[in-house]
C-alpha atoms as a PDB file:
ATOM      1  CA  MET A   1     -41.111 -29.417  27.829  1.00  0.00           C
ATOM      2  CA  HIS A   2     -40.388 -26.248  29.925  1.00  0.00           C
ATOM      3  CA  LEU A   3     -37.136 -27.273  30.647  1.00  0.00           C
ATOM      4  CA  VAL A   4     -36.427 -28.050  26.885  1.00  0.00           C
ATOM      5  CA  LEU A   5     -37.283 -24.657  25.945  1.00  0.00           C
ATOM      6  CA  ALA A   6     -35.785 -22.787  28.911  1.00  0.00           C
ATOM      7  CA  PRO A   7     -32.090 -22.476  27.386  1.00  0.00           C
ATOM      8  CA  ASN A   8     -33.461 -20.346  23.835  1.00  0.00           C
ATOM      9  CA  LEU A   9     -35.000 -17.728  26.376  1.00  0.00           C
ATOM     10  CA  LEU A  10     -32.081 -17.753  28.393  1.00  0.00           C
ATOM     11  CA  GLY A  11     -31.111 -15.091  25.822  1.00  0.00           C
ATOM     12  CA  PHE A  12     -34.056 -13.695  25.223  1.00  0.00           C
ATOM     13  CA  ASN A  13     -35.760 -12.645  29.011  1.00  0.00           C
ATOM     14  CA  ILE A  14     -34.058 -13.831  31.769  1.00  0.00           C
ATOM     15  CA  ASN A  15     -37.343 -14.160  33.983  1.00  0.00           C
ATOM     16  CA  PHE A  16     -39.336 -15.723  31.242  1.00  0.00           C
ATOM     17  CA  ALA A  17     -36.174 -18.244  31.431  1.00  0.00           C
ATOM     18  CA  LEU A  18     -35.986 -18.844  35.000  1.00  0.00           C
ATOM     19  CA  PHE A  19     -40.016 -18.797  35.030  1.00  0.00           C
ATOM     20  CA  PHE A  20     -39.498 -22.231  32.720  1.00  0.00           C
ATOM     21  CA  ILE A  21     -36.658 -23.424  34.735  1.00  0.00           C
ATOM     22  CA  VAL A  22     -39.054 -23.572  37.867  1.00  0.00           C
ATOM     23  CA  ALA A  23     -42.102 -24.737  35.864  1.00  0.00           C
ATOM     24  CA  GLY A  24     -40.100 -27.470  34.751  1.00  0.00           C
ATOM     25  CA  ILE A  25     -38.783 -28.215  38.089  1.00  0.00           C
ATOM     26  CA  ALA A  26     -41.883 -28.674  39.195  1.00  0.00           C
ATOM     27  CA  GLN A  27     -43.558 -30.819  36.695  1.00  0.00           C
ATOM     28  CA  LEU A  28     -40.541 -33.112  37.358  1.00  0.00           C
ATOM     29  CA  PHE A  29     -41.113 -32.978  40.886  1.00  0.00           C
ATOM     30  CA  TRP A  30     -44.549 -33.811  40.838  1.00  0.00           C
ATOM     31  CA  VAL A  31     -44.242 -37.259  38.706  1.00  0.00           C
ATOM     32  CA  LEU A  32     -42.888 -38.166  42.429  1.00  0.00           C
ATOM     33  CA  PRO A  33     -45.704 -38.511  44.164  1.00  0.00           C
ATOM     34  CA  MET A  34     -47.712 -39.892  41.137  1.00  0.00           C
ATOM     35  CA  ILE A  35     -45.315 -42.613  40.271  1.00  0.00           C
ATOM     36  CA  LYS A  36     -45.149 -43.652  44.179  1.00  0.00           C
ATOM     37  CA  ARG A  37     -49.341 -42.893  44.403  1.00  0.00           C
ATOM     38  CA  TRP A  38     -48.925 -40.784  47.219  1.00  0.00           C
ATOM     39  CA  GLY A  39     -52.222 -39.536  47.464  1.00  0.00           C
ATOM     40  CA  PHE A  40     -55.590 -37.898  45.878  1.00  0.00           C
ATOM     41  CA  PRO A  41     -53.808 -34.512  47.333  1.00  0.00           C
ATOM     42  CA  TRP A  42     -50.746 -35.213  45.075  1.00  0.00           C
ATOM     43  CA  VAL A  43     -52.931 -35.371  42.009  1.00  0.00           C
ATOM     44  CA  VAL A  44     -55.078 -32.480  42.955  1.00  0.00           C
ATOM     45  CA  ALA A  45     -52.054 -30.192  43.237  1.00  0.00           C
ATOM     46  CA  GLY A  46     -50.569 -31.196  40.282  1.00  0.00           C
ATOM     47  CA  ILE A  47     -53.683 -30.578  37.949  1.00  0.00           C
ATOM     48  CA  VAL A  48     -53.855 -27.378  39.565  1.00  0.00           C
ATOM     49  CA  GLY A  49     -50.523 -26.830  38.798  1.00  0.00           C
ATOM     50  CA  MET A  50     -50.679 -28.023  35.063  1.00  0.00           C
ATOM     51  CA  ALA A  51     -54.394 -25.362  34.880  1.00  0.00           C
ATOM     52  CA  VAL A  52     -52.295 -22.786  35.932  1.00  0.00           C
ATOM     53  CA  LEU A  53     -49.906 -22.783  33.233  1.00  0.00           C
ATOM     54  CA  ILE A  54     -52.351 -23.575  30.820  1.00  0.00           C
ATOM     55  CA  SER A  55     -54.227 -20.500  32.066  1.00  0.00           C
ATOM     56  CA  LEU A  56     -51.123 -19.128  31.537  1.00  0.00           C
ATOM     57  CA  TYR A  57     -50.060 -19.278  28.400  1.00  0.00           C
ATOM     58  CA  VAL A  58     -53.636 -18.684  27.223  1.00  0.00           C
ATOM     59  CA  ILE A  59     -53.569 -15.455  28.978  1.00  0.00           C
ATOM     60  CA  THR A  60     -50.337 -14.608  27.266  1.00  0.00           C
ATOM     61  CA  ARG A  61     -51.764 -14.922  23.801  1.00  0.00           C
ATOM     62  CA  MET A  62     -54.302 -12.509  24.030  1.00  0.00           C
ATOM     63  CA  PRO A  63     -54.081  -9.012  23.594  1.00  0.00           C
ATOM     64  CA  ASN A  64     -53.090  -7.487  27.062  1.00  0.00           C
ATOM     65  CA  PRO A  65     -54.738  -4.137  28.226  1.00  0.00           C
ATOM     66  CA  ILE A  66     -50.850  -2.348  29.105  1.00  0.00           C
ATOM     67  CA  THR A  67     -48.876  -3.498  25.730  1.00  0.00           C
ATOM     68  CA  GLY A  68     -52.065  -3.983  23.733  1.00  0.00           C
ATOM     69  CA  ARG A  69     -50.302  -6.598  22.261  1.00  0.00           C
ATOM     70  CA  ASP A  70     -50.207 -10.688  22.823  1.00  0.00           C
ATOM     71  CA  LEU A  71     -47.053 -13.078  22.283  1.00  0.00           C
ATOM     72  CA  PRO A  72     -46.485 -14.965  19.322  1.00  0.00           C
ATOM     73  CA  THR A  73     -47.429 -18.913  19.139  1.00  0.00           C
ATOM     74  CA  ASN A  74     -45.516 -21.269  17.901  1.00  0.00           C
ATOM     75  CA  SER A  75     -45.752 -24.670  17.253  1.00  0.00           C
ATOM     76  CA  MET A  76     -43.571 -26.209  20.698  1.00  0.00           C
ATOM     77  CA  ALA A  77     -45.666 -24.174  22.845  1.00  0.00           C
ATOM     78  CA  LEU A  78     -49.203 -25.657  21.292  1.00  0.00           C
ATOM     79  CA  VAL A  79     -47.510 -29.141  21.486  1.00  0.00           C
ATOM     80  CA  ILE A  80     -46.681 -28.466  24.929  1.00  0.00           C
ATOM     81  CA  GLU A  81     -50.252 -26.905  26.348  1.00  0.00           C
ATOM     82  CA  ILE A  82     -51.413 -30.163  24.522  1.00  0.00           C
ATOM     83  CA  ILE A  83     -49.919 -32.527  26.363  1.00  0.00           C
ATOM     84  CA  GLN A  84     -50.629 -31.132  30.166  1.00  0.00           C
ATOM     85  CA  ALA A  85     -54.692 -30.703  28.879  1.00  0.00           C
ATOM     86  CA  ALA A  86     -54.295 -34.868  28.386  1.00  0.00           C
ATOM     87  CA  PHE A  87     -52.030 -34.921  31.759  1.00  0.00           C
ATOM     88  CA  ILE A  88     -55.279 -33.342  32.997  1.00  0.00           C
ATOM     89  CA  ALA A  89     -57.716 -35.440  31.584  1.00  0.00           C
ATOM     90  CA  LEU A  90     -55.612 -38.446  32.328  1.00  0.00           C
ATOM     91  CA  CYS A  91     -55.753 -37.615  36.100  1.00  0.00           C
ATOM     92  CA  ALA A  92     -58.742 -36.497  36.097  1.00  0.00           C
ATOM     93  CA  ILE A  93     -59.521 -40.704  34.851  1.00  0.00           C
ATOM     94  CA  ILE A  94     -57.613 -42.250  37.504  1.00  0.00           C
ATOM     95  CA  ILE A  95     -58.997 -40.042  40.537  1.00  0.00           C
ATOM     96  CA  VAL A  96     -62.338 -41.282  39.189  1.00  0.00           C
ATOM     97  CA  TYR A  97     -60.895 -44.772  38.795  1.00  0.00           C
ATOM     98  CA  GLU A  98     -59.752 -44.798  41.786  1.00  0.00           C
ATOM     99  CA  ALA A  99     -62.636 -43.280  43.810  1.00  0.00           C
ATOM    100  CA  ARG A 100     -64.203 -46.323  42.227  1.00  0.00           C
ATOM    101  CA  ARG A 101     -62.315 -49.017  43.188  1.00  0.00           C
ATOM    102  CA  LYS A 102     -62.600 -47.149  46.707  1.00  0.00           C
ATOM    103  CA  GLN A 103     -66.080 -47.698  46.557  1.00  0.00           C
ATOM    104  CA  LEU A 104     -65.807 -51.426  45.861  1.00  0.00           C
ATOM    105  CA  ASP A 105     -64.164 -52.384  48.050  1.00  0.00           C
ATOM    106  CA  ARG A 106     -65.994 -51.106  50.516  1.00  0.00           C
ATOM    107  CA  LYS A 107     -69.008 -52.831  49.107  1.00  0.00           C
ATOM    108  CA  THR A 108     -67.595 -56.277  48.931  1.00  0.00           C
ATOM    109  CA  ARG A 109     -65.981 -55.503  52.695  1.00  0.00           C
ATOM    110  CA  SER A 110     -69.532 -54.890  53.935  1.00  0.00           C
ATOM    111  CA  ASP A 111     -71.042 -57.375  51.847  1.00  0.00           C
ATOM    112  CA  SER A 112     -68.985 -60.282  53.031  1.00  0.00           C
ATOM    113  CA  THR A 113     -69.275 -59.065  57.109  1.00  0.00           C
END
């Protein structure tokens, strides 16, 4: 979603556009470790990355002490934030599922010996 919005920002603010491009590429790159199941550290890295993006969105929508104003919100931005929050929840579910599965595997191995 960040990559979809980046071209719209090129004429407005090059710094925002570059941030959106970098964030979008990082999110796309992070899909590979999730699909390939590279492990727990990658899942946590994705959760932290998404949480940072959500935090930046929330912070920039509050009046700041420098300018005294906040950035406007729009429906596309809200959709992106909701999807990111859902992805964090999905990753948390995956972590819990994998932890329980490993625990059951250990238990069945110890019971069989």
